[in-house]
Amino acid sequence: MSFTAFFLQNASPRMHIVNGRQNGSFLASRGRNFRLKGVRCVVVTGAETDVCVLSTVLAAVDRGFRVVIVEDALCSSSDAGHEALMTIYRTRMQEQIDLVNSRELLDLWSPR
């Protein structure tokens, strides 16, 4: 089990975990199914911030999902590409995307 899957399962037992391997295309086939299950928000972690993650984020936004990006659960082989996308997420897409770190996400999911 990946760290991300372990993290999400332990953070919220109601979470549906999907391991996408095709640059966001999984939303094309599963987006409707997500809606039928009442999913309104997609939490995104992953590798290649400026390729695979970007594709997934844009696919989710295009399908009307609220997107939460876990900043400290991303990586990229291009520091410049990673930083450029993080800047865009922070400055241009605040209406569709929230940026949190893993601690903040855990705090949000913790029972009060």
Foldseek 3Di string as FASTA:
>chain_A
DDPVVVLVCVLDVVDDDDDDDDQQCVCVVCVVVCVVVVAQEEEDAEEACQTSVVSNLVNCVVSRHQYEYALVRYYYPDPVSNVVSVVCCVPPVVVRYHYHHSVVSSVVSDDD
